[in-house]
PDB file of N, CA and C in Angstrom:
ATOM      1  N   MET A   1     177.214 161.063   5.643  1.00  0.00           N
ATOM      2  CA  MET A   1     175.836 161.175   4.911  1.00  0.00           C
ATOM      3  C   MET A   1     175.573 160.742   3.769  1.00  0.00           C
ATOM      4  N   ALA A   2     176.686 160.531   3.008  1.00  0.00           N
ATOM      5  CA  ALA A   2     176.747 159.703   1.875  1.00  0.00           C
ATOM      6  C   ALA A   2     176.130 158.443   1.614  1.00  0.00           C
ATOM      7  N   ASP A   3     175.768 157.883   2.571  1.00  0.00           N
ATOM      8  CA  ASP A   3     174.924 156.899   2.892  1.00  0.00           C
ATOM      9  C   ASP A   3     173.348 156.565   3.372  1.00  0.00           C
ATOM     10  N   ASP A   4     173.251 158.193   3.637  1.00  0.00           N
ATOM     11  CA  ASP A   4     171.888 157.790   3.932  1.00  0.00           C
ATOM     12  C   ASP A   4     170.507 157.903   3.580  1.00  0.00           C
ATOM     13  N   PRO A   5     169.686 156.650   3.870  1.00  0.00           N
ATOM     14  CA  PRO A   5     169.182 155.835   3.066  1.00  0.00           C
ATOM     15  C   PRO A   5     167.839 156.586   2.264  1.00  0.00           C
ATOM     16  N   HIS A   6     167.362 157.341   3.001  1.00  0.00           N
ATOM     17  CA  HIS A   6     166.218 158.537   2.977  1.00  0.00           C
ATOM     18  C   HIS A   6     166.736 159.955   2.287  1.00  0.00           C
ATOM     19  N   ARG A   7     167.766 159.948   2.201  1.00  0.00           N
ATOM     20  CA  ARG A   7     168.336 161.215   1.094  1.00  0.00           C
ATOM     21  C   ARG A   7     167.379 161.600  -0.563  1.00  0.00           C
ATOM     22  N   GLY A   8     166.729 162.331  -0.779  1.00  0.00           N
ATOM     23  CA  GLY A   8     166.111 162.567  -2.093  1.00  0.00           C
ATOM     24  C   GLY A   8     165.075 162.616  -2.159  1.00  0.00           C
ATOM     25  N   GLN A   9     164.468 161.618  -0.565  1.00  0.00           N
ATOM     26  CA  GLN A   9     162.907 160.716  -0.509  1.00  0.00           C
ATOM     27  C   GLN A   9     162.333 161.924   0.468  1.00  0.00           C
ATOM     28  N   SER A  10     160.916 162.052  -0.337  1.00  0.00           N
ATOM     29  CA  SER A  10     160.370 162.600   0.580  1.00  0.00           C
ATOM     30  C   SER A  10     159.308 162.597   0.570  1.00  0.00           C
ATOM     31  N   ASP A  11     157.732 162.725   1.412  1.00  0.00           N
ATOM     32  CA  ASP A  11     156.404 162.087   1.933  1.00  0.00           C
ATOM     33  C   ASP A  11     155.268 162.460   0.911  1.00  0.00           C
ATOM     34  N   GLU A  12     155.974 163.149  -0.269  1.00  0.00           N
ATOM     35  CA  GLU A  12     154.726 163.391  -1.445  1.00  0.00           C
ATOM     36  C   GLU A  12     155.126 162.084  -2.681  1.00  0.00           C
ATOM     37  N   PRO A  13     153.517 161.784  -2.425  1.00  0.00           N
ATOM     38  CA  PRO A  13     153.953 160.178  -3.609  1.00  0.00           C
ATOM     39  C   PRO A  13     153.800 160.916  -4.849  1.00  0.00           C
ATOM     40  N   SER A  14     154.284 159.813  -5.311  1.00  0.00           N
ATOM     41  CA  SER A  14     154.746 159.703  -6.149  1.00  0.00           C
ATOM     42  C   SER A  14     153.588 160.009  -7.843  1.00  0.00           C
ATOM     43  N   SER A  15     154.283 160.594  -8.558  1.00  0.00           N
ATOM     44  CA  SER A  15     152.662 160.670 -10.232  1.00  0.00           C
ATOM     45  C   SER A  15     152.427 159.388  -9.972  1.00  0.00           C
ATOM     46  N   GLU A  16     153.261 158.528 -10.407  1.00  0.00           N
ATOM     47  CA  GLU A  16     152.610 157.339 -10.715  1.00  0.00           C
ATOM     48  C   GLU A  16     151.621 156.397  -9.378  1.00  0.00           C
ATOM     49  N   GLY A  17     152.030 156.518  -8.643  1.00  0.00           N
ATOM     50  CA  GLY A  17     151.052 156.268  -7.300  1.00  0.00           C
ATOM     51  C   GLY A  17     149.568 157.037  -7.196  1.00  0.00           C
ATOM     52  N   VAL A  18     149.799 158.317  -7.742  1.00  0.00           N
ATOM     53  CA  VAL A  18     148.502 159.021  -7.887  1.00  0.00           C
ATOM     54  C   VAL A  18     148.172 158.783  -8.841  1.00  0.00           C
ATOM     55  N   ALA A  19     148.522 158.480 -10.450  1.00  0.00           N
ATOM     56  CA  ALA A  19     147.373 158.106 -11.482  1.00  0.00           C
ATOM     57  C   ALA A  19     146.975 156.775 -10.733  1.00  0.00           C
ATOM     58  N   GLY A  20     147.895 155.923 -10.473  1.00  0.00           N
ATOM     59  CA  GLY A  20     147.243 154.516  -9.936  1.00  0.00           C
ATOM     60  C   GLY A  20     146.157 154.165  -9.472  1.00  0.00           C
ATOM     61  N   ALA A  21     146.229 155.280  -8.138  1.00  0.00           N
ATOM     62  CA  ALA A  21     145.266 155.630  -7.246  1.00  0.00           C
ATOM     63  C   ALA A  21     143.957 156.008  -7.914  1.00  0.00           C
ATOM     64  N   VAL A  22     143.274 157.225  -8.850  1.00  0.00           N
ATOM     65  CA  VAL A  22     142.733 157.905 -10.258  1.00  0.00           C
ATOM     66  C   VAL A  22     142.478 157.391 -10.645  1.00  0.00           C
ATOM     67  N   LEU A  23     142.858 156.264 -11.110  1.00  0.00           N
ATOM     68  CA  LEU A  23     142.353 154.993 -12.379  1.00  0.00           C
ATOM     69  C   LEU A  23     141.662 153.825 -11.347  1.00  0.00           C
ATOM     70  N   GLY A  24     142.218 153.142 -10.312  1.00  0.00           N
ATOM     71  CA  GLY A  24     141.755 152.642  -9.520  1.00  0.00           C
ATOM     72  C   GLY A  24     140.190 153.145  -8.966  1.00  0.00           C
ATOM     73  N   TYR A  25     140.219 154.463  -8.644  1.00  0.00           N
ATOM     74  CA  TYR A  25     139.006 154.543  -8.160  1.00  0.00           C
ATOM     75  C   TYR A  25     138.054 154.752  -9.056  1.00  0.00           C
ATOM     76  N   LEU A  26     138.012 155.229 -10.084  1.00  0.00           N
ATOM     77  CA  LEU A  26     137.558 155.154 -11.580  1.00  0.00           C
ATOM     78  C   LEU A  26     136.849 154.491 -11.994  1.00  0.00           C
ATOM     79  N   LEU A  27     137.799 152.905 -12.149  1.00  0.00           N
ATOM     80  CA  LEU A  27     137.408 151.504 -12.466  1.00  0.00           C
ATOM     81  C   LEU A  27     136.600 151.037 -11.883  1.00  0.00           C
ATOM     82  N   ALA A  28     136.914 151.176 -10.583  1.00  0.00           N
ATOM     83  CA  ALA A  28     136.316 150.797  -9.054  1.00  0.00           C
ATOM     84  C   ALA A  28     134.497 151.102  -9.268  1.00  0.00           C
ATOM     85  N   GLY A  29     134.400 152.605  -9.287  1.00  0.00           N
ATOM     86  CA  GLY A  29     133.393 153.238  -9.124  1.00  0.00           C
ATOM     87  C   GLY A  29     132.768 152.763  -9.904  1.00  0.00           C
ATOM     88  N   ILE A  30     132.932 152.979 -11.479  1.00  0.00           N
ATOM     89  CA  ILE A  30     131.976 152.394 -12.439  1.00  0.00           C
ATOM     90  C   ILE A  30     131.959 150.863 -12.521  1.00  0.00           C
ATOM     91  N   VAL A  31     132.384 149.767 -12.120  1.00  0.00           N
ATOM     92  CA  VAL A  31     132.377 148.605 -12.632  1.00  0.00           C
ATOM     93  C   VAL A  31     131.206 148.266 -11.121  1.00  0.00           C
ATOM     94  N   VAL A  32     131.383 148.779  -9.699  1.00  0.00           N
ATOM     95  CA  VAL A  32     130.893 147.687  -8.866  1.00  0.00           C
ATOM     96  C   VAL A  32     129.278 148.528  -8.848  1.00  0.00           C
ATOM     97  N   TRP A  33     129.525 149.813  -9.389  1.00  0.00           N
ATOM     98  CA  TRP A  33     127.985 150.384  -9.267  1.00  0.00           C
ATOM     99  C   TRP A  33     127.406 150.401 -10.328  1.00  0.00           C
ATOM    100  N   GLY A  34     127.806 149.865 -11.504  1.00  0.00           N
ATOM    101  CA  GLY A  34     127.097 149.545 -12.825  1.00  0.00           C
ATOM    102  C   GLY A  34     126.576 148.143 -12.258  1.00  0.00           C
ATOM    103  N   PHE A  35     127.581 147.267 -11.876  1.00  0.00           N
ATOM    104  CA  PHE A  35     126.970 145.825 -10.765  1.00  0.00           C
ATOM    105  C   PHE A  35     125.425 146.265 -10.301  1.00  0.00           C
ATOM    106  N   LEU A  36     125.851 146.926  -9.257  1.00  0.00           N
ATOM    107  CA  LEU A  36     124.495 146.833  -8.386  1.00  0.00           C
ATOM    108  C   LEU A  36     123.315 147.723  -9.042  1.00  0.00           C
ATOM    109  N   GLY A  37     123.986 148.540 -10.275  1.00  0.00           N
ATOM    110  CA  GLY A  37     122.935 148.989 -11.367  1.00  0.00           C
ATOM    111  C   GLY A  37     121.995 148.178 -11.864  1.00  0.00           C
ATOM    112  N   TRP A  38     122.891 147.196 -12.502  1.00  0.00           N
ATOM    113  CA  TRP A  38     122.112 145.722 -13.115  1.00  0.00           C
ATOM    114  C   TRP A  38     121.778 145.294 -12.166  1.00  0.00           C
ATOM    115  N   LEU A  39     122.195 145.079 -11.001  1.00  0.00           N
ATOM    116  CA  LEU A  39     121.205 144.020  -9.906  1.00  0.00           C
ATOM    117  C   LEU A  39     119.627 144.689  -9.559  1.00  0.00           C
ATOM    118  N   ALA A  40     119.714 145.771  -9.467  1.00  0.00           N
ATOM    119  CA  ALA A  40     118.730 146.881  -9.676  1.00  0.00           C
ATOM    120  C   ALA A  40     117.584 146.528 -10.090  1.00  0.00           C
ATOM    121  N   GLU A  41     117.755 146.004 -11.954  1.00  0.00           N
ATOM    122  CA  GLU A  41     117.105 146.328 -12.939  1.00  0.00           C
ATOM    123  C   GLU A  41     116.641 144.946 -12.550  1.00  0.00           C
ATOM    124  N   GLY A  42     116.769 143.812 -12.241  1.00  0.00           N
ATOM    125  CA  GLY A  42     116.509 142.395 -12.311  1.00  0.00           C
ATOM    126  C   GLY A  42     115.561 142.990 -10.578  1.00  0.00           C
ATOM    127  N   LEU A  43     115.601 143.570  -9.705  1.00  0.00           N
ATOM    128  CA  LEU A  43     114.755 143.577  -8.888  1.00  0.00           C
ATOM    129  C   LEU A  43     113.947 144.172  -9.084  1.00  0.00           C
ATOM    130  N   LEU A  44     113.973 145.368  -9.675  1.00  0.00           N
ATOM    131  CA  LEU A  44     112.958 146.591 -10.136  1.00  0.00           C
ATOM    132  C   LEU A  44     112.013 146.523 -11.155  1.00  0.00           C
ATOM    133  N   GLY A  45     113.010 145.744 -12.250  1.00  0.00           N
ATOM    134  CA  GLY A  45     111.876 145.641 -13.396  1.00  0.00           C
ATOM    135  C   GLY A  45     111.720 146.777 -14.077  1.00  0.00           C
ATOM    136  N   VAL A  46     112.915 147.814 -13.688  1.00  0.00           N
ATOM    137  CA  VAL A  46     112.846 149.161 -15.261  1.00  0.00           C
ATOM    138  C   VAL A  46     113.258 148.403 -16.479  1.00  0.00           C
ATOM    139  N   PRO A  47     113.715 149.296 -17.339  1.00  0.00           N
ATOM    140  CA  PRO A  47     114.393 148.961 -18.710  1.00  0.00           C
ATOM    141  C   PRO A  47     115.232 148.656 -18.310  1.00  0.00           C
ATOM    142  N   THR A  48     115.748 147.865 -19.422  1.00  0.00           N
ATOM    143  CA  THR A  48     116.952 147.288 -19.740  1.00  0.00           C
ATOM    144  C   THR A  48     117.980 148.293 -20.215  1.00  0.00           C
ATOM    145  N   GLY A  49     119.028 148.484 -19.267  1.00  0.00           N
ATOM    146  CA  GLY A  49     120.055 149.654 -19.627  1.00  0.00           C
ATOM    147  C   GLY A  49     119.725 150.752 -18.834  1.00  0.00           C
ATOM    148  N   LEU A  50     118.936 151.616 -18.030  1.00  0.00           N
ATOM    149  CA  LEU A  50     119.398 151.776 -17.704  1.00  0.00           C
ATOM    150  C   LEU A  50     119.029 151.919 -16.017  1.00  0.00           C
ATOM    151  N   GLY A  51     119.321 151.173 -15.432  1.00  0.00           N
ATOM    152  CA  GLY A  51     119.941 150.421 -14.161  1.00  0.00           C
ATOM    153  C   GLY A  51     121.381 151.040 -13.849  1.00  0.00           C
ATOM    154  N   ILE A  52     121.761 150.391 -15.245  1.00  0.00           N
ATOM    155  CA  ILE A  52     123.371 149.898 -15.372  1.00  0.00           C
ATOM    156  C   ILE A  52     124.032 151.079 -15.951  1.00  0.00           C
ATOM    157  N   ALA A  53     123.651 151.765 -16.998  1.00  0.00           N
ATOM    158  CA  ALA A  53     123.783 153.385 -17.260  1.00  0.00           C
ATOM    159  C   ALA A  53     123.675 154.626 -15.511  1.00  0.00           C
ATOM    160  N   THR A  54     122.488 154.447 -14.442  1.00  0.00           N
ATOM    161  CA  THR A  54     122.605 155.157 -13.407  1.00  0.00           C
ATOM    162  C   THR A  54     123.615 154.817 -12.660  1.00  0.00           C
ATOM    163  N   GLY A  55     123.460 153.063 -12.661  1.00  0.00           N
ATOM    164  CA  GLY A  55     124.673 153.034 -11.735  1.00  0.00           C
ATOM    165  C   GLY A  55     126.072 153.525 -11.802  1.00  0.00           C
ATOM    166  N   MET A  56     126.107 153.309 -13.091  1.00  0.00           N
ATOM    167  CA  MET A  56     127.973 153.980 -13.649  1.00  0.00           C
ATOM    168  C   MET A  56     128.213 155.624 -13.314  1.00  0.00           C
ATOM    169  N   MET A  57     127.239 155.898 -13.631  1.00  0.00           N
ATOM    170  CA  MET A  57     127.340 157.205 -13.737  1.00  0.00           C
ATOM    171  C   MET A  57     126.690 157.932 -11.834  1.00  0.00           C
ATOM    172  N   LEU A  58     126.967 157.038 -11.395  1.00  0.00           N
ATOM    173  CA  LEU A  58     126.624 157.575 -10.013  1.00  0.00           C
ATOM    174  C   LEU A  58     127.787 156.812  -9.696  1.00  0.00           C
ATOM    175  N   GLY A  59     128.987 156.092  -9.666  1.00  0.00           N
ATOM    176  CA  GLY A  59     129.948 155.104  -9.311  1.00  0.00           C
ATOM    177  C   GLY A  59     131.031 156.548  -9.699  1.00  0.00           C
ATOM    178  N   ALA A  60     131.226 156.568 -11.182  1.00  0.00           N
ATOM    179  CA  ALA A  60     131.329 157.885 -11.561  1.00  0.00           C
ATOM    180  C   ALA A  60     131.800 159.235 -10.571  1.00  0.00           C
ATOM    181  N   ALA A  61     130.904 159.450 -10.493  1.00  0.00           N
ATOM    182  CA  ALA A  61     130.502 160.886  -9.737  1.00  0.00           C
ATOM    183  C   ALA A  61     131.175 160.587  -8.376  1.00  0.00           C
ATOM    184  N   GLY A  62     130.746 159.514  -7.954  1.00  0.00           N
ATOM    185  CA  GLY A  62     131.626 158.993  -6.840  1.00  0.00           C
ATOM    186  C   GLY A  62     132.838 158.796  -6.324  1.00  0.00           C
ATOM    187  N   ALA A  63     133.150 158.228  -7.396  1.00  0.00           N
ATOM    188  CA  ALA A  63     134.952 157.716  -7.628  1.00  0.00           C
ATOM    189  C   ALA A  63     135.564 159.612  -8.366  1.00  0.00           C
ATOM    190  N   ILE A  64     135.167 160.675  -8.423  1.00  0.00           N
ATOM    191  CA  ILE A  64     135.113 161.921  -8.451  1.00  0.00           C
ATOM    192  C   ILE A  64     135.624 162.096  -6.985  1.00  0.00           C
ATOM    193  N   TYR A  65     134.228 162.588  -6.567  1.00  0.00           N
ATOM    194  CA  TYR A  65     134.122 163.131  -5.137  1.00  0.00           C
ATOM    195  C   TYR A  65     135.496 162.500  -4.631  1.00  0.00           C
ATOM    196  N   LEU A  66     135.697 161.156  -4.512  1.00  0.00           N
ATOM    197  CA  LEU A  66     136.889 160.632  -3.277  1.00  0.00           C
ATOM    198  C   LEU A  66     138.168 160.969  -3.992  1.00  0.00           C
ATOM    199  N   ILE A  67     138.325 161.457  -5.287  1.00  0.00           N
ATOM    200  CA  ILE A  67     139.365 161.174  -5.409  1.00  0.00           C
ATOM    201  C   ILE A  67     140.126 162.638  -5.112  1.00  0.00           C
ATOM    202  N   MET A  68     138.740 163.796  -5.380  1.00  0.00           N
ATOM    203  CA  MET A  68     139.294 165.313  -5.102  1.00  0.00           C
ATOM    204  C   MET A  68     139.218 165.303  -3.532  1.00  0.00           C
ATOM    205  N   LYS A  69     138.256 164.279  -2.884  1.00  0.00           N
ATOM    206  CA  LYS A  69     138.796 164.679  -1.866  1.00  0.00           C
ATOM    207  C   LYS A  69     139.999 164.477  -0.758  1.00  0.00           C
ATOM    208  N   ARG A  70     140.805 163.364  -1.403  1.00  0.00           N
ATOM    209  CA  ARG A  70     141.715 162.712  -1.269  1.00  0.00           C
ATOM    210  C   ARG A  70     143.176 163.685  -1.617  1.00  0.00           C
ATOM    211  N   LEU A  71     143.039 163.842  -3.269  1.00  0.00           N
ATOM    212  CA  LEU A  71     143.836 164.969  -3.545  1.00  0.00           C
ATOM    213  C   LEU A  71     143.650 166.806  -3.109  1.00  0.00           C
ATOM    214  N   SER A  72     142.930 166.889  -2.548  1.00  0.00           N
ATOM    215  CA  SER A  72     142.915 168.325  -1.613  1.00  0.00           C
ATOM    216  C   SER A  72     143.686 167.916  -0.234  1.00  0.00           C
ATOM    217  N   ALA A  73     144.017 167.068   0.048  1.00  0.00           N
ATOM    218  CA  ALA A  73     144.847 166.807   1.955  1.00  0.00           C
ATOM    219  C   ALA A  73     145.689 166.736   1.220  1.00  0.00           C
TER     220      ALA A  73
END
């Protein structure tokens, strides 16, 4: 049994993997939704910065929701 390659491994994800996923979700949500807010500014003619700020907040909120959903399972 000393040559068992699966000894000491578990099905739990590593803390580095979880931290990377959390950071990825947050950055992707903020960047993508911020970009969509910037596009909406141009199409709708809203004041400069308002669409970007709204998009970034929605992106962060959506990312936090997805992180909580992933970590609670």
